[in-house]
Amino acid sequence: MMKNLIKNWIGLILFSFTIQAIAKDTITVQVKTDEKTAAALGFTVEGKKSGARGKSYSGKGPANKVYIFGYRKNSAFGPDILCGSQKLAKDSIVTLVTSGDHCSIEID
């Protein structure tokens, strides 16, 4: 009985350390824009697309990876407009800025 109790406590402690290690490798990325023609926006990281309709989106992803940012023009099924990429190591707010036909990113 005591042996099982000790095993359960050790398992619980190891599990909590594992969860904390995974949480440290995850960051929150907020993407926003004032572009009038943007119908949806988001980012791609490690081949996985994340985004939503509207002018802002907040998602989670791995730290220390390259994120590619962009939006869809005129409708959720419209053409992809790429705005730039950046390696992110911490929680970030990324603003998509459009000037004429050129789109760029600003990171806070």
N, C-alpha and C. Protein backbone atom coordinates (compact mmCIF):
# COMPACT_ATOMS: atom_id res chain seq x y z
N MET A 1 0.82 -1.19 0.00
CA MET A 1 0.00 0.00 0.00
C MET A 1 0.87 1.26 0.00
N MET A 2 1.84 1.29 0.89
CA MET A 2 2.73 2.45 0.98
C MET A 2 3.56 2.57 -0.30
N LYS A 3 3.94 1.44 -0.87
CA LYS A 3 4.73 1.44 -2.11
C LYS A 3 3.94 2.08 -3.25
N ASN A 4 2.65 1.76 -3.36
CA ASN A 4 1.81 2.34 -4.40
C ASN A 4 1.64 3.84 -4.19
N LEU A 5 1.51 4.25 -2.96
CA LEU A 5 1.36 5.68 -2.65
C LEU A 5 2.60 6.45 -3.08
N ILE A 6 3.76 5.91 -2.80
CA ILE A 6 5.02 6.56 -3.20
C ILE A 6 5.14 6.62 -4.72
N LYS A 7 4.79 5.54 -5.40
CA LYS A 7 4.83 5.52 -6.87
C LYS A 7 3.88 6.57 -7.45
N ASN A 8 2.70 6.68 -6.88
CA ASN A 8 1.73 7.67 -7.37
C ASN A 8 2.25 9.10 -7.17
N TRP A 9 2.86 9.38 -6.03
CA TRP A 9 3.41 10.72 -5.78
C TRP A 9 4.54 11.04 -6.74
N ILE A 10 5.42 10.08 -6.97
CA ILE A 10 6.53 10.29 -7.91
C ILE A 10 5.98 10.54 -9.31
N GLY A 11 4.98 9.77 -9.71
CA GLY A 11 4.36 9.97 -11.02
C GLY A 11 3.73 11.34 -11.15
N LEU A 12 3.05 11.78 -10.10
CA LEU A 12 2.42 13.10 -10.11
C LEU A 12 3.45 14.22 -10.21
N ILE A 13 4.53 14.09 -9.49
CA ILE A 13 5.60 15.10 -9.54
C ILE A 13 6.24 15.15 -10.92
N LEU A 14 6.54 14.00 -11.50
CA LEU A 14 7.12 13.97 -12.85
C LEU A 14 6.16 14.55 -13.87
N PHE A 15 4.88 14.24 -13.74
CA PHE A 15 3.88 14.78 -14.65
C PHE A 15 3.82 16.30 -14.58
N SER A 16 3.87 16.87 -13.37
CA SER A 16 3.80 18.32 -13.23
C SER A 16 5.03 19.00 -13.84
N PHE A 17 6.21 18.39 -13.70
CA PHE A 17 7.40 18.96 -14.33
C PHE A 17 7.31 18.89 -15.85
N THR A 18 6.75 17.82 -16.38
CA THR A 18 6.59 17.68 -17.83
C THR A 18 5.65 18.74 -18.37
N ILE A 19 4.54 18.97 -17.69
CA ILE A 19 3.57 19.99 -18.11
C ILE A 19 4.22 21.37 -18.10
N GLN A 20 5.00 21.69 -17.09
CA GLN A 20 5.66 22.99 -17.02
C GLN A 20 6.67 23.15 -18.14
N ALA A 21 7.40 22.10 -18.48
CA ALA A 21 8.38 22.18 -19.56
C ALA A 21 7.70 22.42 -20.90
N ILE A 22 6.56 21.77 -21.13
CA ILE A 22 5.82 21.97 -22.37
C ILE A 22 5.27 23.39 -22.43
N ALA A 23 4.75 23.90 -21.31
CA ALA A 23 4.17 25.23 -21.27
C ALA A 23 5.21 26.31 -21.58
N LYS A 24 6.45 26.11 -21.17
CA LYS A 24 7.50 27.10 -21.43
C LYS A 24 7.85 27.18 -22.91
N ASP A 25 7.59 26.13 -23.66
CA ASP A 25 7.90 26.10 -25.08
C ASP A 25 6.76 26.63 -25.94
N THR A 26 5.68 27.10 -25.31
CA THR A 26 4.51 27.59 -26.04
C THR A 26 4.37 29.09 -25.79
N ILE A 27 4.13 29.84 -26.87
CA ILE A 27 3.93 31.28 -26.75
C ILE A 27 2.57 31.66 -27.31
N THR A 28 2.09 32.83 -26.92
CA THR A 28 0.85 33.38 -27.46
C THR A 28 1.20 34.44 -28.49
N VAL A 29 0.57 34.34 -29.65
CA VAL A 29 0.82 35.29 -30.74
C VAL A 29 -0.51 35.94 -31.10
N GLN A 30 -0.55 37.27 -30.98
CA GLN A 30 -1.74 38.03 -31.38
C GLN A 30 -1.43 38.74 -32.68
N VAL A 31 -2.30 38.56 -33.67
CA VAL A 31 -2.14 39.20 -34.98
C VAL A 31 -3.31 40.15 -35.17
N LYS A 32 -3.01 41.37 -35.66
CA LYS A 32 -4.08 42.34 -35.89
C LYS A 32 -3.74 43.21 -37.09
N THR A 33 -4.78 43.83 -37.65
CA THR A 33 -4.59 44.74 -38.78
C THR A 33 -5.74 45.74 -38.83
N ASP A 34 -5.48 46.87 -39.48
CA ASP A 34 -6.52 47.86 -39.76
C ASP A 34 -6.87 47.86 -41.24
N GLU A 35 -6.27 46.97 -42.01
CA GLU A 35 -6.51 46.89 -43.45
C GLU A 35 -8.00 46.64 -43.72
N LYS A 36 -8.61 47.53 -44.51
CA LYS A 36 -10.05 47.46 -44.76
C LYS A 36 -10.46 46.23 -45.56
N THR A 37 -9.58 45.75 -46.44
CA THR A 37 -9.94 44.61 -47.29
C THR A 37 -9.63 43.26 -46.65
N ALA A 38 -9.05 43.26 -45.45
CA ALA A 38 -8.71 41.99 -44.79
C ALA A 38 -9.98 41.33 -44.26
N ALA A 39 -10.24 40.11 -44.71
CA ALA A 39 -11.41 39.36 -44.26
C ALA A 39 -11.03 38.32 -43.21
N ALA A 40 -9.79 37.86 -43.24
CA ALA A 40 -9.29 36.88 -42.28
C ALA A 40 -7.78 37.07 -42.17
N LEU A 41 -7.21 36.68 -41.05
CA LEU A 41 -5.76 36.79 -40.89
C LEU A 41 -5.25 35.71 -39.97
N GLY A 42 -3.93 35.58 -39.95
CA GLY A 42 -3.34 34.56 -39.10
C GLY A 42 -1.88 34.34 -39.40
N PHE A 43 -1.40 33.14 -39.04
CA PHE A 43 0.01 32.81 -39.23
C PHE A 43 0.17 31.33 -39.54
N THR A 44 1.33 31.01 -40.09
CA THR A 44 1.72 29.62 -40.33
C THR A 44 3.02 29.38 -39.59
N VAL A 45 3.10 28.27 -38.87
CA VAL A 45 4.33 27.90 -38.18
C VAL A 45 4.48 26.39 -38.28
N GLU A 46 5.64 25.97 -38.71
CA GLU A 46 5.94 24.55 -38.92
C GLU A 46 4.90 23.87 -39.80
N GLY A 47 4.42 24.60 -40.82
CA GLY A 47 3.45 24.05 -41.76
C GLY A 47 2.01 24.04 -41.28
N LYS A 48 1.76 24.46 -40.05
CA LYS A 48 0.41 24.48 -39.50
C LYS A 48 -0.16 25.89 -39.57
N LYS A 49 -1.33 26.01 -40.22
CA LYS A 49 -1.97 27.32 -40.36
C LYS A 49 -2.91 27.57 -39.18
N SER A 50 -2.88 28.80 -38.67
CA SER A 50 -3.77 29.21 -37.58
C SER A 50 -4.29 30.59 -37.91
N GLY A 51 -5.58 30.80 -37.75
CA GLY A 51 -6.15 32.10 -38.03
C GLY A 51 -7.65 32.10 -37.88
N ALA A 52 -8.25 33.26 -38.18
CA ALA A 52 -9.70 33.40 -38.05
C ALA A 52 -10.17 34.56 -38.91
N ARG A 53 -11.48 34.60 -39.12
CA ARG A 53 -12.08 35.74 -39.81
C ARG A 53 -12.01 36.96 -38.91
N GLY A 54 -11.93 38.12 -39.53
CA GLY A 54 -11.92 39.36 -38.76
C GLY A 54 -10.60 40.08 -38.85
N LYS A 55 -10.44 41.07 -38.00
CA LYS A 55 -9.27 41.95 -38.01
C LYS A 55 -8.25 41.61 -36.93
N SER A 56 -8.53 40.61 -36.09
CA SER A 56 -7.56 40.20 -35.07
C SER A 56 -7.72 38.71 -34.78
N TYR A 57 -6.62 38.12 -34.33
CA TYR A 57 -6.59 36.70 -33.99
C TYR A 57 -5.53 36.47 -32.93
N SER A 58 -5.83 35.65 -31.96
CA SER A 58 -4.86 35.28 -30.95
C SER A 58 -4.76 33.77 -30.92
N GLY A 59 -3.53 33.27 -31.05
CA GLY A 59 -3.32 31.83 -31.06
C GLY A 59 -2.04 31.47 -30.33
N LYS A 60 -1.82 30.19 -30.18
CA LYS A 60 -0.62 29.70 -29.50
C LYS A 60 0.22 28.89 -30.48
N GLY A 61 1.52 28.88 -30.21
CA GLY A 61 2.43 28.13 -31.05
C GLY A 61 3.75 27.90 -30.34
N PRO A 62 4.65 27.19 -30.99
CA PRO A 62 5.94 26.89 -30.37
C PRO A 62 6.86 28.11 -30.34
N ALA A 63 7.68 28.19 -29.30
CA ALA A 63 8.66 29.27 -29.19
C ALA A 63 9.87 28.96 -30.06
N ASN A 64 10.60 30.01 -30.43
CA ASN A 64 11.84 29.90 -31.20
C ASN A 64 11.65 29.24 -32.56
N LYS A 65 10.53 29.54 -33.20
CA LYS A 65 10.24 29.06 -34.55
C LYS A 65 9.91 30.25 -35.44
N VAL A 66 10.02 30.06 -36.75
CA VAL A 66 9.71 31.13 -37.70
C VAL A 66 8.21 31.11 -37.99
N TYR A 67 7.57 32.25 -37.79
CA TYR A 67 6.14 32.43 -38.05
C TYR A 67 5.99 33.25 -39.33
N ILE A 68 5.08 32.84 -40.20
CA ILE A 68 4.78 33.56 -41.44
C ILE A 68 3.39 34.17 -41.27
N PHE A 69 3.28 35.48 -41.48
CA PHE A 69 2.04 36.20 -41.23
C PHE A 69 1.40 36.67 -42.53
N GLY A 70 0.06 36.74 -42.52
CA GLY A 70 -0.64 37.24 -43.69
C GLY A 70 -2.13 37.34 -43.45
N TYR A 71 -2.84 37.75 -44.51
CA TYR A 71 -4.29 37.87 -44.42
C TYR A 71 -4.92 37.46 -45.75
N ARG A 72 -6.23 37.28 -45.72
CA ARG A 72 -6.98 36.98 -46.93
C ARG A 72 -7.73 38.24 -47.33
N LYS A 73 -7.63 38.56 -48.60
CA LYS A 73 -8.19 39.81 -49.11
C LYS A 73 -9.64 39.63 -49.57
N ASN A 74 -10.50 40.53 -49.17
CA ASN A 74 -11.90 40.66 -49.58
C ASN A 74 -12.85 39.59 -49.06
N SER A 75 -12.43 38.35 -48.90
CA SER A 75 -13.29 37.31 -48.35
C SER A 75 -12.43 36.21 -47.74
N ALA A 76 -13.06 35.34 -46.97
CA ALA A 76 -12.32 34.25 -46.33
C ALA A 76 -11.75 33.29 -47.37
N PHE A 77 -12.27 33.35 -48.60
CA PHE A 77 -11.79 32.50 -49.68
C PHE A 77 -10.95 33.28 -50.69
N GLY A 78 -10.66 34.54 -50.37
CA GLY A 78 -9.89 35.40 -51.26
C GLY A 78 -8.41 35.02 -51.29
N PRO A 79 -7.64 35.77 -52.07
CA PRO A 79 -6.21 35.45 -52.20
C PRO A 79 -5.44 35.72 -50.91
N ASP A 80 -4.42 34.91 -50.67
CA ASP A 80 -3.54 35.10 -49.52
C ASP A 80 -2.58 36.25 -49.79
N ILE A 81 -2.46 37.17 -48.87
CA ILE A 81 -1.50 38.27 -48.95
C ILE A 81 -0.47 38.02 -47.85
N LEU A 82 0.76 37.73 -48.24
CA LEU A 82 1.82 37.47 -47.27
C LEU A 82 2.44 38.79 -46.82
N CYS A 83 2.65 38.92 -45.52
CA CYS A 83 3.16 40.18 -44.97
C CYS A 83 4.57 40.09 -44.42
N GLY A 84 5.05 38.91 -44.15
CA GLY A 84 6.40 38.77 -43.63
C GLY A 84 6.52 37.61 -42.67
N SER A 85 7.75 37.38 -42.25
CA SER A 85 8.01 36.29 -41.31
C SER A 85 9.02 36.74 -40.27
N GLN A 86 8.98 36.07 -39.13
CA GLN A 86 9.87 36.42 -38.03
C GLN A 86 9.97 35.24 -37.08
N LYS A 87 11.16 35.03 -36.54
CA LYS A 87 11.35 34.02 -35.50
C LYS A 87 10.92 34.63 -34.17
N LEU A 88 9.98 33.98 -33.48
CA LEU A 88 9.45 34.51 -32.23
C LEU A 88 9.86 33.62 -31.06
N ALA A 89 10.35 34.25 -30.00
CA ALA A 89 10.81 33.52 -28.82
C ALA A 89 9.92 33.77 -27.60
N LYS A 90 9.07 34.81 -27.65
CA LYS A 90 8.22 35.14 -26.51
C LYS A 90 6.86 35.59 -27.00
N ASP A 91 5.92 35.74 -26.07
CA ASP A 91 4.58 36.22 -26.42
C ASP A 91 4.72 37.52 -27.21
N SER A 92 3.97 37.63 -28.32
CA SER A 92 4.14 38.77 -29.21
C SER A 92 2.81 39.27 -29.74
N ILE A 93 2.79 40.57 -30.05
CA ILE A 93 1.67 41.19 -30.76
C ILE A 93 2.22 41.63 -32.10
N VAL A 94 1.62 41.12 -33.18
CA VAL A 94 2.10 41.39 -34.53
C VAL A 94 1.02 42.18 -35.26
N THR A 95 1.41 43.33 -35.81
CA THR A 95 0.49 44.15 -36.58
C THR A 95 0.85 44.05 -38.05
N LEU A 96 -0.15 43.75 -38.88
CA LEU A 96 0.04 43.70 -40.33
C LEU A 96 -0.25 45.09 -40.88
N VAL A 97 0.73 45.67 -41.55
CA VAL A 97 0.61 47.04 -42.07
C VAL A 97 0.68 47.00 -43.59
N THR A 98 -0.35 47.56 -44.23
CA THR A 98 -0.41 47.57 -45.69
C THR A 98 -0.24 49.00 -46.19
N SER A 99 0.66 49.15 -47.16
CA SER A 99 0.88 50.44 -47.81
C SER A 99 0.89 50.18 -49.31
N GLY A 100 -0.20 50.58 -49.97
CA GLY A 100 -0.31 50.28 -51.40
C GLY A 100 -0.45 48.78 -51.60
N ASP A 101 0.42 48.20 -52.42
CA ASP A 101 0.41 46.76 -52.65
C ASP A 101 1.37 46.01 -51.74
N HIS A 102 2.05 46.72 -50.86
CA HIS A 102 3.06 46.11 -50.00
C HIS A 102 2.52 45.90 -48.59
N CYS A 103 2.75 44.72 -48.03
CA CYS A 103 2.34 44.42 -46.66
C CYS A 103 3.58 44.07 -45.85
N SER A 104 3.66 44.57 -44.62
CA SER A 104 4.79 44.28 -43.75
C SER A 104 4.28 44.01 -42.34
N ILE A 105 5.18 43.58 -41.46
CA ILE A 105 4.80 43.29 -40.08
C ILE A 105 5.54 44.21 -39.12
N GLU A 106 4.87 44.55 -38.02
CA GLU A 106 5.48 45.28 -36.91
C GLU A 106 5.23 44.45 -35.66
N ILE A 107 6.28 44.19 -34.90
CA ILE A 107 6.17 43.33 -33.73
C ILE A 107 6.36 44.15 -32.46
N ASP A 108 5.40 44.04 -31.55
CA ASP A 108 5.48 44.72 -30.25
C ASP A 108 5.94 43.73 -29.20
